[in-house]
Amino acid sequence: MILKLKQVDGKEKEFQTPFISALTYRKYLKLKANNVDYIRQNPTADQLDELVALVVNAFNNQFTIDEFYAGLTTLEFREKLIEFILLTEGVPLATEEEAMDEVKEQMEEDATPSFDA
């Protein structure tokens, strides 16, 4: 997973983690045990802090909780949390290139002329 956070000086810094570990998944399950659906519900501030702390931990503390909050727009923040959750749950995510290839294939299939009269 790749994460780009804006820094105090306005520059963007990129952070990476090669994979989300099973240990992170185990910790995530403990968070979900509190009947929180982080994707479909709005968690409380404390629940959100716990999830962000897990993200920071998964990235081996390359940034702080505050840097995560401050470095993303609200939209980016939600998108990155959803991406993190899906990866943690083992849902494979398509790369942009794979997604574009799939769209092109669908467009080509839809462009086939029909000879029905």
PDB file of N, CA and C in Angstrom:
ATOM      1  N   MET A   1       0.854  -1.174   0.000  1.00  0.00           N
ATOM      2  CA  MET A   1       0.000   0.000   0.000  1.00  0.00           C
ATOM      3  C   MET A   1       0.897   1.233   0.000  1.00  0.00           C
ATOM      4  N   ILE A   2       0.499   2.214  -0.774  1.00  0.00           N
ATOM      5  CA  ILE A   2       1.237   3.471  -0.864  1.00  0.00           C
ATOM      6  C   ILE A   2       0.363   4.582  -0.287  1.00  0.00           C
ATOM      7  N   LEU A   3       0.985   5.441   0.471  1.00  0.00           N
ATOM      8  CA  LEU A   3       0.284   6.538   1.118  1.00  0.00           C
ATOM      9  C   LEU A   3       1.088   7.809   0.905  1.00  0.00           C
ATOM     10  N   LYS A   4       0.442   8.837   0.359  1.00  0.00           N
ATOM     11  CA  LYS A   4       1.091  10.128   0.147  1.00  0.00           C
ATOM     12  C   LYS A   4       0.466  11.144   1.086  1.00  0.00           C
ATOM     13  N   LEU A   5       1.285  11.689   1.971  1.00  0.00           N
ATOM     14  CA  LEU A   5       0.808  12.664   2.950  1.00  0.00           C
ATOM     15  C   LEU A   5       1.453  14.012   2.711  1.00  0.00           C
ATOM     16  N   LYS A   6       0.648  15.072   2.790  1.00  0.00           N
ATOM     17  CA  LYS A   6       1.193  16.432   2.715  1.00  0.00           C
ATOM     18  C   LYS A   6       1.860  16.732   4.042  1.00  0.00           C
ATOM     19  N   GLN A   7       3.015  17.338   3.963  1.00  0.00           N
ATOM     20  CA  GLN A   7       3.785  17.700   5.141  1.00  0.00           C
ATOM     21  C   GLN A   7       3.500  19.151   5.525  1.00  0.00           C
ATOM     22  N   VAL A   8       3.995  19.561   6.663  1.00  0.00           N
ATOM     23  CA  VAL A   8       3.798  20.925   7.163  1.00  0.00           C
ATOM     24  C   VAL A   8       4.300  21.957   6.156  1.00  0.00           C
ATOM     25  N   ASP A   9       5.397  21.644   5.464  1.00  0.00           N
ATOM     26  CA  ASP A   9       5.973  22.583   4.496  1.00  0.00           C
ATOM     27  C   ASP A   9       5.227  22.590   3.160  1.00  0.00           C
ATOM     28  N   GLY A  10       4.147  21.808   3.048  1.00  0.00           N
ATOM     29  CA  GLY A  10       3.354  21.765   1.833  1.00  0.00           C
ATOM     30  C   GLY A  10       3.793  20.715   0.836  1.00  0.00           C
ATOM     31  N   LYS A  11       4.943  20.124   1.056  1.00  0.00           N
ATOM     32  CA  LYS A  11       5.432  19.083   0.158  1.00  0.00           C
ATOM     33  C   LYS A  11       4.759  17.760   0.502  1.00  0.00           C
ATOM     34  N   GLU A  12       4.735  16.887  -0.480  1.00  0.00           N
ATOM     35  CA  GLU A  12       4.122  15.580  -0.291  1.00  0.00           C
ATOM     36  C   GLU A  12       5.208  14.537  -0.047  1.00  0.00           C
ATOM     37  N   LYS A  13       4.966  13.655   0.902  1.00  0.00           N
ATOM     38  CA  LYS A  13       5.918  12.599   1.214  1.00  0.00           C
ATOM     39  C   LYS A  13       5.214  11.254   1.047  1.00  0.00           C
ATOM     40  N   GLU A  14       5.904  10.323   0.406  1.00  0.00           N
ATOM     41  CA  GLU A  14       5.316   9.010   0.133  1.00  0.00           C
ATOM     42  C   GLU A  14       5.806   7.977   1.141  1.00  0.00           C
ATOM     43  N   PHE A  15       4.865   7.181   1.614  1.00  0.00           N
ATOM     44  CA  PHE A  15       5.157   6.092   2.541  1.00  0.00           C
ATOM     45  C   PHE A  15       4.642   4.802   1.925  1.00  0.00           C
ATOM     46  N   GLN A  16       5.354   3.711   2.177  1.00  0.00           N
ATOM     47  CA  GLN A  16       4.942   2.432   1.623  1.00  0.00           C
ATOM     48  C   GLN A  16       5.051   1.333   2.659  1.00  0.00           C
ATOM     49  N   THR A  17       4.184   0.376   2.516  1.00  0.00           N
ATOM     50  CA  THR A  17       4.316  -0.864   3.254  1.00  0.00           C
ATOM     51  C   THR A  17       4.149  -1.977   2.221  1.00  0.00           C
ATOM     52  N   PRO A  18       5.059  -2.927   2.195  1.00  0.00           N
ATOM     53  CA  PRO A  18       4.996  -3.949   1.146  1.00  0.00           C
ATOM     54  C   PRO A  18       3.764  -4.844   1.238  1.00  0.00           C
ATOM     55  N   PHE A  19       3.228  -5.006   2.443  1.00  0.00           N
ATOM     56  CA  PHE A  19       2.029  -5.817   2.616  1.00  0.00           C
ATOM     57  C   PHE A  19       1.407  -5.505   3.969  1.00  0.00           C
ATOM     58  N   ILE A  20       0.146  -5.891   4.100  1.00  0.00           N
ATOM     59  CA  ILE A  20      -0.548  -5.761   5.379  1.00  0.00           C
ATOM     60  C   ILE A  20      -0.476  -7.141   6.033  1.00  0.00           C
ATOM     61  N   SER A  21       0.110  -7.207   7.194  1.00  0.00           N
ATOM     62  CA  SER A  21       0.376  -8.498   7.824  1.00  0.00           C
ATOM     63  C   SER A  21      -0.879  -9.116   8.443  1.00  0.00           C
ATOM     64  N   ALA A  22      -0.802 -10.408   8.688  1.00  0.00           N
ATOM     65  CA  ALA A  22      -1.883 -11.114   9.368  1.00  0.00           C
ATOM     66  C   ALA A  22      -2.034 -10.610  10.802  1.00  0.00           C
ATOM     67  N   LEU A  23      -0.943 -10.146  11.389  1.00  0.00           N
ATOM     68  CA  LEU A  23      -1.023  -9.573  12.734  1.00  0.00           C
ATOM     69  C   LEU A  23      -1.894  -8.313  12.712  1.00  0.00           C
ATOM     70  N   THR A  24      -1.749  -7.506  11.676  1.00  0.00           N
ATOM     71  CA  THR A  24      -2.599  -6.323  11.521  1.00  0.00           C
ATOM     72  C   THR A  24      -4.051  -6.749  11.367  1.00  0.00           C
ATOM     73  N   TYR A  25      -4.289  -7.808  10.608  1.00  0.00           N
ATOM     74  CA  TYR A  25      -5.645  -8.323  10.439  1.00  0.00           C
ATOM     75  C   TYR A  25      -6.231  -8.746  11.786  1.00  0.00           C
ATOM     76  N   ARG A  26      -5.427  -9.417  12.587  1.00  0.00           N
ATOM     77  CA  ARG A  26      -5.880  -9.859  13.917  1.00  0.00           C
ATOM     78  C   ARG A  26      -6.275  -8.650  14.773  1.00  0.00           C
ATOM     79  N   LYS A  27      -5.449  -7.617  14.754  1.00  0.00           N
ATOM     80  CA  LYS A  27      -5.757  -6.404  15.522  1.00  0.00           C
ATOM     81  C   LYS A  27      -7.007  -5.718  14.983  1.00  0.00           C
ATOM     82  N   TYR A  28      -7.174  -5.745  13.682  1.00  0.00           N
ATOM     83  CA  TYR A  28      -8.358  -5.149  13.065  1.00  0.00           C
ATOM     84  C   TYR A  28      -9.625  -5.885  13.506  1.00  0.00           C
ATOM     85  N   LEU A  29      -9.543  -7.213  13.594  1.00  0.00           N
ATOM     86  CA  LEU A  29     -10.698  -7.994  14.046  1.00  0.00           C
ATOM     87  C   LEU A  29     -11.136  -7.586  15.451  1.00  0.00           C
ATOM     88  N   LYS A  30     -10.167  -7.254  16.301  1.00  0.00           N
ATOM     89  CA  LYS A  30     -10.508  -6.792  17.647  1.00  0.00           C
ATOM     90  C   LYS A  30     -11.271  -5.464  17.588  1.00  0.00           C
ATOM     91  N   LEU A  31     -10.882  -4.590  16.662  1.00  0.00           N
ATOM     92  CA  LEU A  31     -11.595  -3.318  16.506  1.00  0.00           C
ATOM     93  C   LEU A  31     -13.018  -3.565  16.009  1.00  0.00           C
ATOM     94  N   LYS A  32     -13.158  -4.461  15.049  1.00  0.00           N
ATOM     95  CA  LYS A  32     -14.480  -4.766  14.491  1.00  0.00           C
ATOM     96  C   LYS A  32     -15.379  -5.460  15.503  1.00  0.00           C
ATOM     97  N   ALA A  33     -14.784  -6.122  16.480  1.00  0.00           N
ATOM     98  CA  ALA A  33     -15.574  -6.833  17.495  1.00  0.00           C
ATOM     99  C   ALA A  33     -16.448  -5.883  18.301  1.00  0.00           C
ATOM    100  N   ASN A  34     -16.146  -4.604  18.244  1.00  0.00           N
ATOM    101  CA  ASN A  34     -16.948  -3.594  18.949  1.00  0.00           C
ATOM    102  C   ASN A  34     -18.155  -3.152  18.117  1.00  0.00           C
ATOM    103  N   ASN A  35     -18.547  -4.021  17.165  1.00  0.00           N
ATOM    104  CA  ASN A  35     -19.695  -3.758  16.285  1.00  0.00           C
ATOM    105  C   ASN A  35     -19.561  -2.460  15.506  1.00  0.00           C
ATOM    106  N   VAL A  36     -18.377  -2.248  14.952  1.00  0.00           N
ATOM    107  CA  VAL A  36     -18.133  -1.065  14.129  1.00  0.00           C
ATOM    108  C   VAL A  36     -17.914  -1.516  12.689  1.00  0.00           C
ATOM    109  N   ASP A  37     -18.709  -0.985  11.786  1.00  0.00           N
ATOM    110  CA  ASP A  37     -18.501  -1.209  10.362  1.00  0.00           C
ATOM    111  C   ASP A  37     -17.894   0.082   9.823  1.00  0.00           C
ATOM    112  N   TYR A  38     -16.572   0.088   9.713  1.00  0.00           N
ATOM    113  CA  TYR A  38     -15.855   1.316   9.368  1.00  0.00           C
ATOM    114  C   TYR A  38     -16.165   1.816   7.960  1.00  0.00           C
ATOM    115  N   ILE A  39     -16.675   0.953   7.101  1.00  0.00           N
ATOM    116  CA  ILE A  39     -16.966   1.372   5.735  1.00  0.00           C
ATOM    117  C   ILE A  39     -18.383   1.927   5.616  1.00  0.00           C
ATOM    118  N   ARG A  40     -19.341   1.287   6.245  1.00  0.00           N
ATOM    119  CA  ARG A  40     -20.743   1.669   6.073  1.00  0.00           C
ATOM    120  C   ARG A  40     -21.280   2.599   7.157  1.00  0.00           C
ATOM    121  N   GLN A  41     -20.587   2.702   8.273  1.00  0.00           N
ATOM    122  CA  GLN A  41     -21.051   3.553   9.367  1.00  0.00           C
ATOM    123  C   GLN A  41     -20.038   4.659   9.629  1.00  0.00           C
ATOM    124  N   ASN A  42     -20.483   5.665  10.323  1.00  0.00           N
ATOM    125  CA  ASN A  42     -19.564   6.704  10.774  1.00  0.00           C
ATOM    126  C   ASN A  42     -19.095   6.335  12.171  1.00  0.00           C
ATOM    127  N   PRO A  43     -17.828   5.969  12.309  1.00  0.00           N
ATOM    128  CA  PRO A  43     -17.329   5.615  13.643  1.00  0.00           C
ATOM    129  C   PRO A  43     -17.221   6.855  14.524  1.00  0.00           C
ATOM    130  N   THR A  44     -17.160   6.628  15.829  1.00  0.00           N
ATOM    131  CA  THR A  44     -16.931   7.734  16.757  1.00  0.00           C
ATOM    132  C   THR A  44     -15.496   8.217  16.583  1.00  0.00           C
ATOM    133  N   ALA A  45     -15.176   9.347  17.168  1.00  0.00           N
ATOM    134  CA  ALA A  45     -13.808   9.875  17.086  1.00  0.00           C
ATOM    135  C   ALA A  45     -12.816   8.896  17.706  1.00  0.00           C
ATOM    136  N   ASP A  46     -13.181   8.290  18.817  1.00  0.00           N
ATOM    137  CA  ASP A  46     -12.279   7.327  19.464  1.00  0.00           C
ATOM    138  C   ASP A  46     -12.077   6.087  18.606  1.00  0.00           C
ATOM    139  N   GLN A  47     -13.157   5.596  17.993  1.00  0.00           N
ATOM    140  CA  GLN A  47     -13.040   4.433  17.114  1.00  0.00           C
ATOM    141  C   GLN A  47     -12.182   4.754  15.899  1.00  0.00           C
ATOM    142  N   LEU A  48     -12.341   5.953  15.374  1.00  0.00           N
ATOM    143  CA  LEU A  48     -11.538   6.380  14.231  1.00  0.00           C
ATOM    144  C   LEU A  48     -10.067   6.475  14.624  1.00  0.00           C
ATOM    145  N   ASP A  49      -9.792   7.026  15.797  1.00  0.00           N
ATOM    146  CA  ASP A  49      -8.411   7.111  16.289  1.00  0.00           C
ATOM    147  C   ASP A  49      -7.778   5.728  16.403  1.00  0.00           C
ATOM    148  N   GLU A  50      -8.552   4.733  16.852  1.00  0.00           N
ATOM    149  CA  GLU A  50      -8.029   3.370  16.972  1.00  0.00           C
ATOM    150  C   GLU A  50      -7.675   2.798  15.604  1.00  0.00           C
ATOM    151  N   LEU A  51      -8.525   3.061  14.607  1.00  0.00           N
ATOM    152  CA  LEU A  51      -8.252   2.576  13.258  1.00  0.00           C
ATOM    153  C   LEU A  51      -7.024   3.268  12.668  1.00  0.00           C
ATOM    154  N   VAL A  52      -6.937   4.571  12.841  1.00  0.00           N
ATOM    155  CA  VAL A  52      -5.778   5.314  12.320  1.00  0.00           C
ATOM    156  C   VAL A  52      -4.499   4.842  13.016  1.00  0.00           C
ATOM    157  N   ALA A  53      -4.566   4.558  14.296  1.00  0.00           N
ATOM    158  CA  ALA A  53      -3.406   4.020  15.017  1.00  0.00           C
ATOM    159  C   ALA A  53      -2.972   2.691  14.412  1.00  0.00           C
ATOM    160  N   LEU A  54      -3.935   1.887  13.986  1.00  0.00           N
ATOM    161  CA  LEU A  54      -3.616   0.614  13.342  1.00  0.00           C
ATOM    162  C   LEU A  54      -2.939   0.847  11.994  1.00  0.00           C
ATOM    163  N   VAL A  55      -3.390   1.838  11.250  1.00  0.00           N
ATOM    164  CA  VAL A  55      -2.745   2.192   9.980  1.00  0.00           C
ATOM    165  C   VAL A  55      -1.293   2.593  10.241  1.00  0.00           C
ATOM    166  N   VAL A  56      -1.090   3.474  11.206  1.00  0.00           N
ATOM    167  CA  VAL A  56       0.259   3.933  11.554  1.00  0.00           C
ATOM    168  C   VAL A  56       1.140   2.744  11.933  1.00  0.00           C
ATOM    169  N   ASN A  57       0.592   1.848  12.719  1.00  0.00           N
ATOM    170  CA  ASN A  57       1.323   0.652  13.135  1.00  0.00           C
ATOM    171  C   ASN A  57       1.661  -0.234  11.935  1.00  0.00           C
ATOM    172  N   ALA A  58       0.714  -0.392  11.013  1.00  0.00           N
ATOM    173  CA  ALA A  58       0.936  -1.216   9.821  1.00  0.00           C
ATOM    174  C   ALA A  58       2.054  -0.648   8.945  1.00  0.00           C
ATOM    175  N   PHE A  59       2.239   0.671   9.002  1.00  0.00           N
ATOM    176  CA  PHE A  59       3.311   1.334   8.251  1.00  0.00           C
ATOM    177  C   PHE A  59       4.575   1.473   9.099  1.00  0.00           C
ATOM    178  N   ASN A  60       4.666   0.692  10.156  1.00  0.00           N
ATOM    179  CA  ASN A  60       5.841   0.677  11.042  1.00  0.00           C
ATOM    180  C   ASN A  60       6.188   2.057  11.582  1.00  0.00           C
ATOM    181  N   ASN A  61       5.169   2.835  11.940  1.00  0.00           N
ATOM    182  CA  ASN A  61       5.344   4.147  12.570  1.00  0.00           C
ATOM    183  C   ASN A  61       6.218   5.105  11.764  1.00  0.00           C
ATOM    184  N   GLN A  62       6.074   5.052  10.433  1.00  0.00           N
ATOM    185  CA  GLN A  62       6.813   5.983   9.575  1.00  0.00           C
ATOM    186  C   GLN A  62       6.252   7.407   9.684  1.00  0.00           C
ATOM    187  N   PHE A  63       5.050   7.530  10.223  1.00  0.00           N
ATOM    188  CA  PHE A  63       4.391   8.819  10.435  1.00  0.00           C
ATOM    189  C   PHE A  63       3.537   8.679  11.682  1.00  0.00           C
ATOM    190  N   THR A  64       3.046   9.803  12.178  1.00  0.00           N
ATOM    191  CA  THR A  64       2.230   9.781  13.398  1.00  0.00           C
ATOM    192  C   THR A  64       0.740   9.805  13.046  1.00  0.00           C
ATOM    193  N   ILE A  65      -0.071   9.596  14.053  1.00  0.00           N
ATOM    194  CA  ILE A  65      -1.521   9.685  13.875  1.00  0.00           C
ATOM    195  C   ILE A  65      -1.897  11.090  13.400  1.00  0.00           C
ATOM    196  N   ASP A  66      -1.330  12.099  14.033  1.00  0.00           N
ATOM    197  CA  ASP A  66      -1.622  13.488  13.644  1.00  0.00           C
ATOM    198  C   ASP A  66      -1.175  13.782  12.221  1.00  0.00           C
ATOM    199  N   GLU A  67      -0.028  13.255  11.813  1.00  0.00           N
ATOM    200  CA  GLU A  67       0.444  13.463  10.438  1.00  0.00           C
ATOM    201  C   GLU A  67      -0.494  12.806   9.439  1.00  0.00           C
ATOM    202  N   PHE A  68      -1.059  11.667   9.797  1.00  0.00           N
ATOM    203  CA  PHE A  68      -2.023  10.995   8.916  1.00  0.00           C
ATOM    204  C   PHE A  68      -3.270  11.864   8.755  1.00  0.00           C
ATOM    205  N   TYR A  69      -3.820  12.324   9.862  1.00  0.00           N
ATOM    206  CA  TYR A  69      -5.001  13.188   9.805  1.00  0.00           C
ATOM    207  C   TYR A  69      -4.718  14.485   9.033  1.00  0.00           C
ATOM    208  N   ALA A  70      -3.598  15.117   9.311  1.00  0.00           N
ATOM    209  CA  ALA A  70      -3.289  16.424   8.724  1.00  0.00           C
ATOM    210  C   ALA A  70      -2.831  16.337   7.271  1.00  0.00           C
ATOM    211  N   GLY A  71      -2.355  15.171   6.849  1.00  0.00           N
ATOM    212  CA  GLY A  71      -1.746  15.049   5.534  1.00  0.00           C
ATOM    213  C   GLY A  71      -2.676  14.671   4.404  1.00  0.00           C
ATOM    214  N   LEU A  72      -3.966  14.481   4.705  1.00  0.00           N
ATOM    215  CA  LEU A  72      -4.916  14.056   3.685  1.00  0.00           C
ATOM    216  C   LEU A  72      -6.149  14.958   3.699  1.00  0.00           C
ATOM    217  N   THR A  73      -6.744  15.143   2.525  1.00  0.00           N
ATOM    218  CA  THR A  73      -8.046  15.802   2.486  1.00  0.00           C
ATOM    219  C   THR A  73      -9.065  14.823   3.067  1.00  0.00           C
ATOM    220  N   THR A  74     -10.242  15.293   3.361  1.00  0.00           N
ATOM    221  CA  THR A  74     -11.281  14.418   3.907  1.00  0.00           C
ATOM    222  C   THR A  74     -11.589  13.269   2.945  1.00  0.00           C
ATOM    223  N   LEU A  75     -11.693  13.571   1.663  1.00  0.00           N
ATOM    224  CA  LEU A  75     -11.965  12.531   0.666  1.00  0.00           C
ATOM    225  C   LEU A  75     -10.830  11.516   0.619  1.00  0.00           C
ATOM    226  N   GLU A  76      -9.591  12.003   0.546  1.00  0.00           N
ATOM    227  CA  GLU A  76      -8.436  11.096   0.520  1.00  0.00           C
ATOM    228  C   GLU A  76      -8.372  10.255   1.796  1.00  0.00           C
ATOM    229  N   PHE A  77      -8.681  10.885   2.912  1.00  0.00           N
ATOM    230  CA  PHE A  77      -8.667  10.202   4.201  1.00  0.00           C
ATOM    231  C   PHE A  77      -9.608   9.005   4.176  1.00  0.00           C
ATOM    232  N   ARG A  78     -10.834   9.233   3.739  1.00  0.00           N
ATOM    233  CA  ARG A  78     -11.825   8.149   3.680  1.00  0.00           C
ATOM    234  C   ARG A  78     -11.403   7.082   2.673  1.00  0.00           C
ATOM    235  N   GLU A  79     -10.904   7.497   1.515  1.00  0.00           N
ATOM    236  CA  GLU A  79     -10.469   6.542   0.494  1.00  0.00           C
ATOM    237  C   GLU A  79      -9.334   5.662   1.013  1.00  0.00           C
ATOM    238  N   LYS A  80      -8.366   6.262   1.681  1.00  0.00           N
ATOM    239  CA  LYS A  80      -7.220   5.502   2.185  1.00  0.00           C
ATOM    240  C   LYS A  80      -7.629   4.557   3.315  1.00  0.00           C
ATOM    241  N   LEU A  81      -8.559   4.984   4.153  1.00  0.00           N
ATOM    242  CA  LEU A  81      -9.035   4.085   5.200  1.00  0.00           C
ATOM    243  C   LEU A  81      -9.763   2.893   4.592  1.00  0.00           C
ATOM    244  N   ILE A  82     -10.587   3.138   3.585  1.00  0.00           N
ATOM    245  CA  ILE A  82     -11.293   2.042   2.925  1.00  0.00           C
ATOM    246  C   ILE A  82     -10.304   1.103   2.238  1.00  0.00           C
ATOM    247  N   GLU A  83      -9.317   1.669   1.552  1.00  0.00           N
ATOM    248  CA  GLU A  83      -8.292   0.841   0.911  1.00  0.00           C
ATOM    249  C   GLU A  83      -7.572  -0.012   1.955  1.00  0.00           C
ATOM    250  N   PHE A  84      -7.206   0.590   3.069  1.00  0.00           N
ATOM    251  CA  PHE A  84      -6.527  -0.134   4.145  1.00  0.00           C
ATOM    252  C   PHE A  84      -7.402  -1.267   4.676  1.00  0.00           C
ATOM    253  N   ILE A  85      -8.668  -0.968   4.920  1.00  0.00           N
ATOM    254  CA  ILE A  85      -9.589  -1.984   5.445  1.00  0.00           C
ATOM    255  C   ILE A  85      -9.717  -3.143   4.468  1.00  0.00           C
ATOM    256  N   LEU A  86      -9.917  -2.836   3.199  1.00  0.00           N
ATOM    257  CA  LEU A  86     -10.064  -3.902   2.200  1.00  0.00           C
ATOM    258  C   LEU A  86      -8.808  -4.758   2.104  1.00  0.00           C
ATOM    259  N   LEU A  87      -7.645  -4.122   2.085  1.00  0.00           N
ATOM    260  CA  LEU A  87      -6.397  -4.887   2.041  1.00  0.00           C
ATOM    261  C   LEU A  87      -6.222  -5.721   3.305  1.00  0.00           C
ATOM    262  N   THR A  88      -6.580  -5.161   4.446  1.00  0.00           N
ATOM    263  CA  THR A  88      -6.470  -5.879   5.712  1.00  0.00           C
ATOM    264  C   THR A  88      -7.379  -7.100   5.721  1.00  0.00           C
ATOM    265  N   GLU A  89      -8.552  -6.958   5.116  1.00  0.00           N
ATOM    266  CA  GLU A  89      -9.493  -8.075   5.055  1.00  0.00           C
ATOM    267  C   GLU A  89      -9.154  -9.065   3.946  1.00  0.00           C
ATOM    268  N   GLY A  90      -8.093  -8.788   3.193  1.00  0.00           N
ATOM    269  CA  GLY A  90      -7.646  -9.718   2.164  1.00  0.00           C
ATOM    270  C   GLY A  90      -8.341  -9.579   0.832  1.00  0.00           C
ATOM    271  N   VAL A  91      -8.992  -8.440   0.610  1.00  0.00           N
ATOM    272  CA  VAL A  91      -9.662  -8.200  -0.662  1.00  0.00           C
ATOM    273  C   VAL A  91      -8.621  -7.664  -1.650  1.00  0.00           C
ATOM    274  N   PRO A  92      -8.376  -8.398  -2.743  1.00  0.00           N
ATOM    275  CA  PRO A  92      -7.378  -7.915  -3.707  1.00  0.00           C
ATOM    276  C   PRO A  92      -7.891  -6.686  -4.438  1.00  0.00           C
ATOM    277  N   LEU A  93      -7.061  -5.679  -4.548  1.00  0.00           N
ATOM    278  CA  LEU A  93      -7.436  -4.452  -5.234  1.00  0.00           C
ATOM    279  C   LEU A  93      -6.700  -4.383  -6.561  1.00  0.00           C
ATOM    280  N   ALA A  94      -7.401  -3.991  -7.588  1.00  0.00           N
ATOM    281  CA  ALA A  94      -6.797  -3.869  -8.910  1.00  0.00           C
ATOM    282  C   ALA A  94      -5.930  -2.619  -8.969  1.00  0.00           C
ATOM    283  N   THR A  95      -4.818  -2.716  -9.681  1.00  0.00           N
ATOM    284  CA  THR A  95      -4.006  -1.531  -9.912  1.00  0.00           C
ATOM    285  C   THR A  95      -4.723  -0.668 -10.939  1.00  0.00           C
ATOM    286  N   GLU A  96      -4.302   0.576 -11.084  1.00  0.00           N
ATOM    287  CA  GLU A  96      -4.933   1.461 -12.062  1.00  0.00           C
ATOM    288  C   GLU A  96      -4.836   0.877 -13.464  1.00  0.00           C
ATOM    289  N   GLU A  97      -3.679   0.292 -13.779  1.00  0.00           N
ATOM    290  CA  GLU A  97      -3.473  -0.283 -15.108  1.00  0.00           C
ATOM    291  C   GLU A  97      -4.435  -1.453 -15.341  1.00  0.00           C
ATOM    292  N   GLU A  98      -4.578  -2.317 -14.338  1.00  0.00           N
ATOM    293  CA  GLU A  98      -5.503  -3.440 -14.458  1.00  0.00           C
ATOM    294  C   GLU A  98      -6.932  -2.941 -14.616  1.00  0.00           C
ATOM    295  N   ALA A  99      -7.295  -1.923 -13.865  1.00  0.00           N
ATOM    296  CA  ALA A  99      -8.645  -1.370 -13.948  1.00  0.00           C
ATOM    297  C   ALA A  99      -8.902  -0.780 -15.333  1.00  0.00           C
ATOM    298  N   MET A 100      -7.928  -0.074 -15.886  1.00  0.00           N
ATOM    299  CA  MET A 100      -8.084   0.520 -17.216  1.00  0.00           C
ATOM    300  C   MET A 100      -8.197  -0.566 -18.275  1.00  0.00           C
ATOM    301  N   ASP A 101      -7.398  -1.623 -18.162  1.00  0.00           N
ATOM    302  CA  ASP A 101      -7.473  -2.740 -19.105  1.00  0.00           C
ATOM    303  C   ASP A 101      -8.864  -3.366 -19.082  1.00  0.00           C
ATOM    304  N   GLU A 102      -9.427  -3.522 -17.878  1.00  0.00           N
ATOM    305  CA  GLU A 102     -10.765  -4.102 -17.740  1.00  0.00           C
ATOM    306  C   GLU A 102     -11.812  -3.208 -18.393  1.00  0.00           C
ATOM    307  N   VAL A 103     -11.688  -1.898 -18.200  1.00  0.00           N
ATOM    308  CA  VAL A 103     -12.632  -0.957 -18.815  1.00  0.00           C
ATOM    309  C   VAL A 103     -12.533  -1.032 -20.336  1.00  0.00           C
ATOM    310  N   LYS A 104     -11.309  -1.092 -20.860  1.00  0.00           N
ATOM    311  CA  LYS A 104     -11.115  -1.175 -22.316  1.00  0.00           C
ATOM    312  C   LYS A 104     -11.737  -2.451 -22.870  1.00  0.00           C
ATOM    313  N   GLU A 105     -11.548  -3.569 -22.164  1.00  0.00           N
ATOM    314  CA  GLU A 105     -12.135  -4.831 -22.607  1.00  0.00           C
ATOM    315  C   GLU A 105     -13.651  -4.734 -22.642  1.00  0.00           C
ATOM    316  N   GLN A 106     -14.238  -4.145 -21.626  1.00  0.00           N
ATOM    317  CA  GLN A 106     -15.695  -3.999 -21.585  1.00  0.00           C
ATOM    318  C   GLN A 106     -16.184  -3.100 -22.714  1.00  0.00           C
ATOM    319  N   MET A 107     -15.429  -2.061 -23.017  1.00  0.00           N
ATOM    320  CA  MET A 107     -15.824  -1.145 -24.086  1.00  0.00           C
ATOM    321  C   MET A 107     -15.768  -1.854 -25.435  1.00  0.00           C
ATOM    322  N   GLU A 108     -14.729  -2.676 -25.623  1.00  0.00           N
ATOM    323  CA  GLU A 108     -14.597  -3.415 -26.877  1.00  0.00           C
ATOM    324  C   GLU A 108     -15.734  -4.414 -27.032  1.00  0.00           C
ATOM    325  N   GLU A 109     -16.116  -5.077 -25.933  1.00  0.00           N
ATOM    326  CA  GLU A 109     -17.227  -6.020 -25.980  1.00  0.00           C
ATOM    327  C   GLU A 109     -18.523  -5.299 -26.309  1.00  0.00           C
ATOM    328  N   ASP A 110     -18.724  -4.134 -25.741  1.00  0.00           N
ATOM    329  CA  ASP A 110     -19.946  -3.366 -25.977  1.00  0.00           C
ATOM    330  C   ASP A 110     -19.991  -2.788 -27.388  1.00  0.00           C
ATOM    331  N   ALA A 111     -18.841  -2.638 -28.034  1.00  0.00           N
ATOM    332  CA  ALA A 111     -18.784  -2.031 -29.362  1.00  0.00           C
ATOM    333  C   ALA A 111     -19.077  -3.027 -30.472  1.00  0.00           C
ATOM    334  N   THR A 112     -19.269  -4.276 -30.145  1.00  0.00           N
ATOM    335  CA  THR A 112     -19.556  -5.281 -31.161  1.00  0.00           C
ATOM    336  C   THR A 112     -20.935  -5.015 -31.782  1.00  0.00           C
ATOM    337  N   PRO A 113     -20.961  -4.861 -33.105  1.00  0.00           N
ATOM    338  CA  PRO A 113     -22.265  -4.569 -33.738  1.00  0.00           C
ATOM    339  C   PRO A 113     -23.208  -5.765 -33.643  1.00  0.00           C
ATOM    340  N   SER A 114     -24.462  -5.482 -33.534  1.00  0.00           N
ATOM    341  CA  SER A 114     -25.473  -6.513 -33.477  1.00  0.00           C
ATOM    342  C   SER A 114     -26.122  -6.635 -34.837  1.00  0.00           C
ATOM    343  N   PHE A 115     -26.277  -7.850 -35.320  1.00  0.00           N
ATOM    344  CA  PHE A 115     -26.870  -8.061 -36.632  1.00  0.00           C
ATOM    345  C   PHE A 115     -28.314  -8.545 -36.536  1.00  0.00           C
ATOM    346  N   ASP A 116     -28.885  -8.402 -35.326  1.00  0.00           N
ATOM    347  CA  ASP A 116     -30.289  -8.783 -35.162  1.00  0.00           C
ATOM    348  C   ASP A 116     -31.177  -7.789 -35.892  1.00  0.00           C
ATOM    349  N   ALA A 117     -32.143  -8.310 -36.612  1.00  0.00           N
ATOM    350  CA  ALA A 117     -33.026  -7.402 -37.353  1.00  0.00           C
ATOM    351  C   ALA A 117     -34.387  -7.365 -36.733  1.00  0.00           C
TER     352      ALA A 117
END
